[in-house]
Amino acid sequence: LFERLSQRLYITEAGRELLSPARHIVGAFDDMETDMANASHSKIRIGCSVSVGTVLINDLLDIAEAAMPDCAFSVTVDNTSRIERSILSNEADIGIIEGIAESDELTLIPLITDELVLICGKNHRLALSGKINFKDLEGENLISREKGSYERNQFEKLAQRMGISFNRSWSCTNTEAIKNAVIKGRGIAVMSAMLIKRELEAGELVTLELDELPIRRTVHLIHHKNKYITPAIAAFTEICKNYK
């Protein structure tokens, strides 16, 4: 599992292969001990991608806390790739993310469908353009999520295939900052339709009709294939699956 070189230890390839299942064996044993020591109480560590953490998780927790009063919940909100890593390293019990996780060590349970839309401020030059195509976006200021965000990856991969270059004027982890910058006319952005409902109704943002969009994606609940599914995790999973 290790090689000793110059009084230092280095993990081998075999060690790396053992590491992930070993973490989950240890984690499952810890979960079992916790469950047996205090059978009437439990805790679920939830990782959420940003759109889910902004729009959905509080509704799910309202339902879960009413149905499971003896269960404690902790929530971490981050981009999809980091939530996936937290599941693989057993730092979170379950994740709720947009799109598809990449690791084949994860189980994916589909929940609801979301949509990505292209937006600009009401005074932006494209706001009154009607239907546009990718060529109209050449050289536009793009306000985008950070590397690892599912939204950024999907849209920018599509634009790259179309041969379109943007001026990436902003890169941001905060969706409110992105919305505010777009409202002020500092660029265009692609965001989850869930996140901008209020601003669209207020007329602060305008959706741009692009032939190649919308991109629809599924919100999934994920957990490690080797995860010990406690009764509490199973109950919360059912709540998520029944959410409309």
C-alpha atoms as a PDB file:
ATOM      1  CA  LEU A   1       0.000   0.000   0.000  1.00  0.00           C
ATOM      2  CA  PHE A   2       2.958   2.331   0.646  1.00  0.00           C
ATOM      3  CA  GLU A   3       6.532   2.809  -0.445  1.00  0.00           C
ATOM      4  CA  ARG A   4       9.140   4.297   1.888  1.00  0.00           C
ATOM      5  CA  LEU A   5      11.536   6.621   0.056  1.00  0.00           C
ATOM      6  CA  SER A   6      14.031   8.867   1.888  1.00  0.00           C
ATOM      7  CA  GLN A   7      12.214   8.378   5.212  1.00  0.00           C
ATOM      8  CA  ARG A   8       8.865   9.416   3.691  1.00  0.00           C
ATOM      9  CA  LEU A   9       5.825   7.313   2.862  1.00  0.00           C
ATOM     10  CA  TYR A  10       4.178   7.442  -0.583  1.00  0.00           C
ATOM     11  CA  ILE A  11       0.888   5.746  -1.371  1.00  0.00           C
ATOM     12  CA  THR A  12       0.964   3.174  -4.178  1.00  0.00           C
ATOM     13  CA  GLU A  13      -1.623   2.605  -6.910  1.00  0.00           C
ATOM     14  CA  ALA A  14      -2.994  -0.342  -4.916  1.00  0.00           C
ATOM     15  CA  GLY A  15      -3.280   1.935  -1.902  1.00  0.00           C
ATOM     16  CA  ARG A  16      -5.303   4.466  -3.892  1.00  0.00           C
ATOM     17  CA  GLU A  17      -7.678   1.713  -5.041  1.00  0.00           C
ATOM     18  CA  LEU A  18      -8.201   0.617  -1.425  1.00  0.00           C
ATOM     19  CA  LEU A  19      -8.659   4.134  -0.061  1.00  0.00           C
ATOM     20  CA  SER A  20     -12.222   4.859  -1.225  1.00  0.00           C
ATOM     21  CA  PRO A  21     -13.839   1.557  -0.119  1.00  0.00           C
ATOM     22  CA  ALA A  22     -11.840   1.664   3.120  1.00  0.00           C
ATOM     23  CA  ARG A  23     -13.251   5.101   3.966  1.00  0.00           C
ATOM     24  CA  HIS A  24     -16.769   3.799   3.466  1.00  0.00           C
ATOM     25  CA  ILE A  25     -16.178   0.637   5.493  1.00  0.00           C
ATOM     26  CA  VAL A  26     -14.913   2.766   8.370  1.00  0.00           C
ATOM     27  CA  GLY A  27     -17.756   5.264   7.877  1.00  0.00           C
ATOM     28  CA  ALA A  28     -20.383   2.496   7.829  1.00  0.00           C
ATOM     29  CA  PHE A  29     -18.940   1.052  11.054  1.00  0.00           C
ATOM     30  CA  ASP A  30     -19.049   4.506  12.690  1.00  0.00           C
ATOM     31  CA  ASP A  31     -22.657   4.937  11.523  1.00  0.00           C
ATOM     32  CA  MET A  32     -23.578   1.559  12.995  1.00  0.00           C
ATOM     33  CA  GLU A  33     -22.002   2.412  16.347  1.00  0.00           C
ATOM     34  CA  THR A  34     -23.772   5.779  16.414  1.00  0.00           C
ATOM     35  CA  ASP A  35     -27.128   4.193  15.558  1.00  0.00           C
ATOM     36  CA  MET A  36     -26.758   1.547  18.246  1.00  0.00           C
ATOM     37  CA  ALA A  37     -25.565   4.010  20.890  1.00  0.00           C
ATOM     38  CA  ASN A  38     -28.476   6.375  20.328  1.00  0.00           C
ATOM     39  CA  ALA A  39     -31.166   4.574  18.358  1.00  0.00           C
ATOM     40  CA  SER A  40     -33.783   7.304  18.793  1.00  0.00           C
ATOM     41  CA  HIS A  41     -31.648  10.058  17.239  1.00  0.00           C
ATOM     42  CA  SER A  42     -29.848  10.345  13.923  1.00  0.00           C
ATOM     43  CA  LYS A  43     -28.131  12.897  11.731  1.00  0.00           C
ATOM     44  CA  ILE A  44     -27.964  13.299   7.964  1.00  0.00           C
ATOM     45  CA  ARG A  45     -25.168  15.258   6.283  1.00  0.00           C
ATOM     46  CA  ILE A  46     -26.498  16.720   3.027  1.00  0.00           C
ATOM     47  CA  GLY A  47     -24.453  18.259   0.232  1.00  0.00           C
ATOM     48  CA  CYS A  48     -26.320  20.521  -2.206  1.00  0.00           C
ATOM     49  CA  SER A  49     -25.287  22.144  -5.449  1.00  0.00           C
ATOM     50  CA  VAL A  50     -25.890  25.896  -5.552  1.00  0.00           C
ATOM     51  CA  SER A  51     -29.244  25.972  -7.353  1.00  0.00           C
ATOM     52  CA  VAL A  52     -30.648  23.264  -5.084  1.00  0.00           C
ATOM     53  CA  GLY A  53     -29.262  24.982  -1.987  1.00  0.00           C
ATOM     54  CA  THR A  54     -30.804  28.294  -3.046  1.00  0.00           C
ATOM     55  CA  VAL A  55     -34.253  27.097  -4.131  1.00  0.00           C
ATOM     56  CA  LEU A  56     -35.143  23.554  -3.057  1.00  0.00           C
ATOM     57  CA  ILE A  57     -33.404  22.454   0.107  1.00  0.00           C
ATOM     58  CA  ASN A  58     -35.403  24.577   2.542  1.00  0.00           C
ATOM     59  CA  ASP A  59     -38.700  23.191   1.218  1.00  0.00           C
ATOM     60  CA  LEU A  60     -37.353  19.647   1.574  1.00  0.00           C
ATOM     61  CA  LEU A  61     -36.104  20.335   5.093  1.00  0.00           C
ATOM     62  CA  ASP A  62     -39.470  21.805   6.139  1.00  0.00           C
ATOM     63  CA  ILE A  63     -41.142  18.540   5.147  1.00  0.00           C
ATOM     64  CA  ALA A  64     -38.393  16.348   6.617  1.00  0.00           C
ATOM     65  CA  GLU A  65     -38.194  18.150   9.960  1.00  0.00           C
ATOM     66  CA  ALA A  66     -41.963  17.811  10.419  1.00  0.00           C
ATOM     67  CA  ALA A  67     -41.919  14.118   9.489  1.00  0.00           C
ATOM     68  CA  MET A  68     -38.628  13.251  11.271  1.00  0.00           C
ATOM     69  CA  PRO A  69     -38.465  15.377  14.463  1.00  0.00           C
ATOM     70  CA  ASP A  70     -35.729  13.227  16.028  1.00  0.00           C
ATOM     71  CA  CYS A  71     -33.366  13.636  13.084  1.00  0.00           C
ATOM     72  CA  ALA A  72     -30.753  16.397  12.814  1.00  0.00           C
ATOM     73  CA  PHE A  73     -29.735  17.767   9.419  1.00  0.00           C
ATOM     74  CA  SER A  74     -26.538  19.526   8.380  1.00  0.00           C
ATOM     75  CA  VAL A  75     -26.244  21.138   4.942  1.00  0.00           C
ATOM     76  CA  THR A  76     -23.257  22.144   2.811  1.00  0.00           C
ATOM     77  CA  VAL A  77     -23.836  24.129  -0.403  1.00  0.00           C
ATOM     78  CA  ASP A  78     -21.129  24.038  -3.082  1.00  0.00           C
ATOM     79  CA  ASN A  79     -20.730  23.321  -6.786  1.00  0.00           C
ATOM     80  CA  THR A  80     -21.604  19.916  -8.226  1.00  0.00           C
ATOM     81  CA  SER A  81     -18.056  18.571  -8.553  1.00  0.00           C
ATOM     82  CA  ARG A  82     -17.195  19.378  -4.925  1.00  0.00           C
ATOM     83  CA  ILE A  83     -20.400  17.823  -3.640  1.00  0.00           C
ATOM     84  CA  GLU A  84     -19.549  14.692  -5.628  1.00  0.00           C
ATOM     85  CA  ARG A  85     -16.094  14.594  -4.020  1.00  0.00           C
ATOM     86  CA  SER A  86     -17.608  14.988  -0.551  1.00  0.00           C
ATOM     87  CA  ILE A  87     -19.805  11.934  -1.157  1.00  0.00           C
ATOM     88  CA  LEU A  88     -16.851   9.896  -2.413  1.00  0.00           C
ATOM     89  CA  SER A  89     -14.755  10.831   0.650  1.00  0.00           C
ATOM     90  CA  ASN A  90     -17.659  10.168   3.065  1.00  0.00           C
ATOM     91  CA  GLU A  91     -17.772  13.793   4.215  1.00  0.00           C
ATOM     92  CA  ALA A  92     -21.476  13.879   3.272  1.00  0.00           C
ATOM     93  CA  ASP A  93     -24.080  11.121   3.441  1.00  0.00           C
ATOM     94  CA  ILE A  94     -26.132  12.193   0.427  1.00  0.00           C
ATOM     95  CA  GLY A  95     -26.011  14.888  -2.217  1.00  0.00           C
ATOM     96  CA  ILE A  96     -28.692  16.687  -4.211  1.00  0.00           C
ATOM     97  CA  ILE A  97     -27.252  18.021  -7.461  1.00  0.00           C
ATOM     98  CA  GLU A  98     -28.249  19.212 -10.927  1.00  0.00           C
ATOM     99  CA  GLY A  99     -27.189  17.012 -13.784  1.00  0.00           C
ATOM    100  CA  ILE A 100     -25.132  13.838 -13.818  1.00  0.00           C
ATOM    101  CA  ALA A 101     -22.334  12.914 -11.447  1.00  0.00           C
ATOM    102  CA  GLU A 102     -19.261  11.509 -13.165  1.00  0.00           C
ATOM    103  CA  SER A 103     -18.104   8.761 -10.779  1.00  0.00           C
ATOM    104  CA  ASP A 104     -19.355   5.219 -11.301  1.00  0.00           C
ATOM    105  CA  GLU A 105     -19.096   4.717  -7.527  1.00  0.00           C
ATOM    106  CA  LEU A 106     -22.304   6.719  -7.026  1.00  0.00           C
ATOM    107  CA  THR A 107     -25.973   5.787  -7.116  1.00  0.00           C
ATOM    108  CA  LEU A 108     -28.185   8.426  -8.814  1.00  0.00           C
ATOM    109  CA  ILE A 109     -31.895   8.816  -8.044  1.00  0.00           C
ATOM    110  CA  PRO A 110     -33.780  11.258 -10.336  1.00  0.00           C
ATOM    111  CA  LEU A 111     -35.987  13.818  -8.572  1.00  0.00           C
ATOM    112  CA  ILE A 112     -37.204  16.739 -10.730  1.00  0.00           C
ATOM    113  CA  THR A 113     -36.376  18.422 -14.048  1.00  0.00           C
ATOM    114  CA  ASP A 114     -34.756  21.853 -14.252  1.00  0.00           C
ATOM    115  CA  GLU A 115     -33.920  24.097 -17.199  1.00  0.00           C
ATOM    116  CA  LEU A 116     -31.036  26.420 -18.029  1.00  0.00           C
ATOM    117  CA  VAL A 117     -31.930  29.761 -19.643  1.00  0.00           C
ATOM    118  CA  LEU A 118     -29.882  32.585 -21.156  1.00  0.00           C
ATOM    119  CA  ILE A 119     -30.565  35.957 -19.501  1.00  0.00           C
ATOM    120  CA  CYS A 120     -29.662  39.640 -19.795  1.00  0.00           C
ATOM    121  CA  GLY A 121     -30.726  42.871 -18.110  1.00  0.00           C
ATOM    122  CA  LYS A 122     -33.814  44.726 -19.344  1.00  0.00           C
ATOM    123  CA  ASN A 123     -31.636  47.515 -20.857  1.00  0.00           C
ATOM    124  CA  HIS A 124     -29.126  45.218 -22.554  1.00  0.00           C
ATOM    125  CA  ARG A 125     -28.836  45.554 -26.333  1.00  0.00           C
ATOM    126  CA  LEU A 126     -30.095  41.970 -26.797  1.00  0.00           C
ATOM    127  CA  ALA A 127     -33.160  42.420 -24.595  1.00  0.00           C
ATOM    128  CA  LEU A 128     -35.461  43.367 -27.510  1.00  0.00           C
ATOM    129  CA  SER A 129     -33.856  41.117 -30.104  1.00  0.00           C
ATOM    130  CA  GLY A 130     -36.419  38.328 -30.009  1.00  0.00           C
ATOM    131  CA  LYS A 131     -35.006  34.983 -31.096  1.00  0.00           C
ATOM    132  CA  ILE A 132     -31.199  34.978 -31.428  1.00  0.00           C
ATOM    133  CA  ASN A 133     -28.533  32.478 -32.405  1.00  0.00           C
ATOM    134  CA  PHE A 134     -25.055  31.777 -31.112  1.00  0.00           C
ATOM    135  CA  LYS A 135     -23.432  34.110 -33.662  1.00  0.00           C
ATOM    136  CA  ASP A 136     -25.211  37.040 -31.982  1.00  0.00           C
ATOM    137  CA  LEU A 137     -23.313  36.223 -28.776  1.00  0.00           C
ATOM    138  CA  GLU A 138     -19.797  36.462 -30.235  1.00  0.00           C
ATOM    139  CA  GLY A 139     -17.614  38.653 -27.987  1.00  0.00           C
ATOM    140  CA  GLU A 140     -20.346  39.270 -25.386  1.00  0.00           C
ATOM    141  CA  ASN A 141     -19.391  39.722 -21.743  1.00  0.00           C
ATOM    142  CA  LEU A 142     -20.189  36.416 -20.027  1.00  0.00           C
ATOM    143  CA  ILE A 143     -20.829  36.356 -16.301  1.00  0.00           C
ATOM    144  CA  SER A 144     -20.288  32.749 -15.337  1.00  0.00           C
ATOM    145  CA  ARG A 145     -20.056  30.367 -12.442  1.00  0.00           C
ATOM    146  CA  GLU A 146     -16.705  29.063 -11.238  1.00  0.00           C
ATOM    147  CA  LYS A 147     -14.930  26.046 -12.695  1.00  0.00           C
ATOM    148  CA  GLY A 148     -16.728  22.898 -11.583  1.00  0.00           C
ATOM    149  CA  SER A 149     -20.194  24.366 -11.871  1.00  0.00           C
ATOM    150  CA  TYR A 150     -22.527  22.234 -13.977  1.00  0.00           C
ATOM    151  CA  GLU A 151     -24.172  25.282 -15.580  1.00  0.00           C
ATOM    152  CA  ARG A 152     -20.880  26.727 -16.792  1.00  0.00           C
ATOM    153  CA  ASN A 153     -19.616  23.417 -18.124  1.00  0.00           C
ATOM    154  CA  GLN A 154     -22.740  22.617 -20.141  1.00  0.00           C
ATOM    155  CA  PHE A 155     -23.228  26.037 -21.742  1.00  0.00           C
ATOM    156  CA  GLU A 156     -19.585  26.732 -22.456  1.00  0.00           C
ATOM    157  CA  LYS A 157     -19.087  23.293 -24.010  1.00  0.00           C
ATOM    158  CA  LEU A 158     -22.038  24.005 -26.296  1.00  0.00           C
ATOM    159  CA  ALA A 159     -20.662  27.443 -27.223  1.00  0.00           C
ATOM    160  CA  GLN A 160     -17.246  25.944 -27.907  1.00  0.00           C
ATOM    161  CA  ARG A 161     -18.775  23.431 -30.316  1.00  0.00           C
ATOM    162  CA  MET A 162     -20.463  26.366 -32.082  1.00  0.00           C
ATOM    163  CA  GLY A 163     -17.111  28.178 -32.381  1.00  0.00           C
ATOM    164  CA  ILE A 164     -18.225  31.128 -30.215  1.00  0.00           C
ATOM    165  CA  SER A 165     -15.815  33.098 -28.001  1.00  0.00           C
ATOM    166  CA  PHE A 166     -16.917  35.149 -24.999  1.00  0.00           C
ATOM    167  CA  ASN A 167     -15.280  37.858 -22.959  1.00  0.00           C
ATOM    168  CA  ARG A 168     -15.367  36.180 -19.551  1.00  0.00           C
ATOM    169  CA  SER A 169     -15.728  39.339 -17.531  1.00  0.00           C
ATOM    170  CA  TRP A 170     -16.866  37.727 -14.277  1.00  0.00           C
ATOM    171  CA  SER A 171     -16.374  34.358 -12.601  1.00  0.00           C
ATOM    172  CA  CYS A 172     -18.359  33.967  -9.422  1.00  0.00           C
ATOM    173  CA  THR A 173     -19.513  31.361  -6.897  1.00  0.00           C
ATOM    174  CA  ASN A 174     -22.476  33.468  -5.747  1.00  0.00           C
ATOM    175  CA  THR A 175     -25.687  33.361  -7.783  1.00  0.00           C
ATOM    176  CA  GLU A 176     -27.010  36.610  -6.305  1.00  0.00           C
ATOM    177  CA  ALA A 177     -23.842  38.406  -7.427  1.00  0.00           C
ATOM    178  CA  ILE A 178     -24.316  37.014 -10.942  1.00  0.00           C
ATOM    179  CA  LYS A 179     -27.963  38.114 -11.073  1.00  0.00           C
ATOM    180  CA  ASN A 180     -27.137  41.608  -9.816  1.00  0.00           C
ATOM    181  CA  ALA A 181     -24.343  42.038 -12.375  1.00  0.00           C
ATOM    182  CA  VAL A 182     -26.663  40.953 -15.198  1.00  0.00           C
ATOM    183  CA  ILE A 183     -29.432  43.269 -13.980  1.00  0.00           C
ATOM    184  CA  LYS A 184     -26.934  46.144 -14.082  1.00  0.00           C
ATOM    185  CA  GLY A 185     -26.099  45.339 -17.701  1.00  0.00           C
ATOM    186  CA  ARG A 186     -22.576  44.036 -17.186  1.00  0.00           C
ATOM    187  CA  GLY A 187     -23.081  40.954 -19.307  1.00  0.00           C
ATOM    188  CA  ILE A 188     -25.164  37.908 -20.079  1.00  0.00           C
ATOM    189  CA  ALA A 189     -25.400  34.681 -18.061  1.00  0.00           C
ATOM    190  CA  VAL A 190     -26.856  31.210 -18.151  1.00  0.00           C
ATOM    191  CA  MET A 191     -28.731  30.262 -14.999  1.00  0.00           C
ATOM    192  CA  SER A 192     -31.197  27.765 -13.659  1.00  0.00           C
ATOM    193  CA  ALA A 193     -34.795  28.792 -14.332  1.00  0.00           C
ATOM    194  CA  MET A 194     -35.483  27.987 -10.664  1.00  0.00           C
ATOM    195  CA  LEU A 195     -33.179  30.796  -9.554  1.00  0.00           C
ATOM    196  CA  ILE A 196     -34.559  33.733 -11.527  1.00  0.00           C
ATOM    197  CA  LYS A 197     -38.336  33.391 -11.253  1.00  0.00           C
ATOM    198  CA  ARG A 198     -38.705  36.451  -8.994  1.00  0.00           C
ATOM    199  CA  GLU A 199     -36.489  38.702 -11.140  1.00  0.00           C
ATOM    200  CA  LEU A 200     -38.320  37.692 -14.322  1.00  0.00           C
ATOM    201  CA  GLU A 201     -41.686  38.478 -12.749  1.00  0.00           C
ATOM    202  CA  ALA A 202     -40.347  41.872 -11.629  1.00  0.00           C
ATOM    203  CA  GLY A 203     -39.083  42.642 -15.159  1.00  0.00           C
ATOM    204  CA  GLU A 204     -35.483  43.046 -13.988  1.00  0.00           C
ATOM    205  CA  LEU A 205     -34.209  40.188 -16.152  1.00  0.00           C
ATOM    206  CA  VAL A 206     -35.070  39.095 -19.685  1.00  0.00           C
ATOM    207  CA  THR A 207     -34.717  35.584 -21.096  1.00  0.00           C
ATOM    208  CA  LEU A 208     -33.117  35.362 -24.522  1.00  0.00           C
ATOM    209  CA  GLU A 209     -34.645  32.818 -26.869  1.00  0.00           C
ATOM    210  CA  LEU A 210     -31.732  30.850 -28.264  1.00  0.00           C
ATOM    211  CA  ASP A 211     -32.342  28.025 -30.743  1.00  0.00           C
ATOM    212  CA  GLU A 212     -29.864  25.699 -29.033  1.00  0.00           C
ATOM    213  CA  LEU A 213     -31.313  26.342 -25.571  1.00  0.00           C
ATOM    214  CA  PRO A 214     -32.950  25.454 -23.238  1.00  0.00           C
ATOM    215  CA  ILE A 215     -30.749  22.756 -21.797  1.00  0.00           C
ATOM    216  CA  ARG A 216     -32.856  20.554 -19.572  1.00  0.00           C
ATOM    217  CA  ARG A 217     -31.258  18.624 -16.779  1.00  0.00           C
ATOM    218  CA  THR A 218     -32.420  16.393 -13.961  1.00  0.00           C
ATOM    219  CA  VAL A 219     -31.906  17.090 -10.277  1.00  0.00           C
ATOM    220  CA  HIS A 220     -30.551  13.884  -8.705  1.00  0.00           C
ATOM    221  CA  LEU A 221     -30.133  12.608  -5.198  1.00  0.00           C
ATOM    222  CA  ILE A 222     -26.791  10.803  -4.991  1.00  0.00           C
ATOM    223  CA  HIS A 223     -25.057   8.556  -2.481  1.00  0.00           C
ATOM    224  CA  HIS A 224     -22.095   6.203  -2.546  1.00  0.00           C
ATOM    225  CA  LYS A 225     -22.925   2.688  -3.746  1.00  0.00           C
ATOM    226  CA  ASN A 226     -21.331   1.285  -0.581  1.00  0.00           C
ATOM    227  CA  LYS A 227     -23.114   3.713   1.751  1.00  0.00           C
ATOM    228  CA  TYR A 228     -24.922   2.205   4.717  1.00  0.00           C
ATOM    229  CA  ILE A 229     -28.470   3.528   4.225  1.00  0.00           C
ATOM    230  CA  THR A 230     -29.868   4.243   7.665  1.00  0.00           C
ATOM    231  CA  PRO A 231     -33.643   4.358   8.219  1.00  0.00           C
ATOM    232  CA  ALA A 232     -33.351   8.161   8.440  1.00  0.00           C
ATOM    233  CA  ILE A 233     -31.548   8.419   5.083  1.00  0.00           C
ATOM    234  CA  ALA A 234     -34.128   6.106   3.508  1.00  0.00           C
ATOM    235  CA  ALA A 235     -36.977   8.241   4.886  1.00  0.00           C
ATOM    236  CA  PHE A 236     -35.423  11.480   3.659  1.00  0.00           C
ATOM    237  CA  THR A 237     -34.821   9.924   0.240  1.00  0.00           C
ATOM    238  CA  GLU A 238     -38.526   9.081  -0.026  1.00  0.00           C
ATOM    239  CA  ILE A 239     -39.426  12.674   0.884  1.00  0.00           C
ATOM    240  CA  CYS A 240     -37.172  13.939  -1.923  1.00  0.00           C
ATOM    241  CA  LYS A 241     -38.593  11.452  -4.437  1.00  0.00           C
ATOM    242  CA  ASN A 242     -42.163  12.514  -3.624  1.00  0.00           C
ATOM    243  CA  TYR A 243     -41.421  16.267  -3.777  1.00  0.00           C
ATOM    244  CA  LYS A 244     -43.297  18.122  -6.527  1.00  0.00           C
END
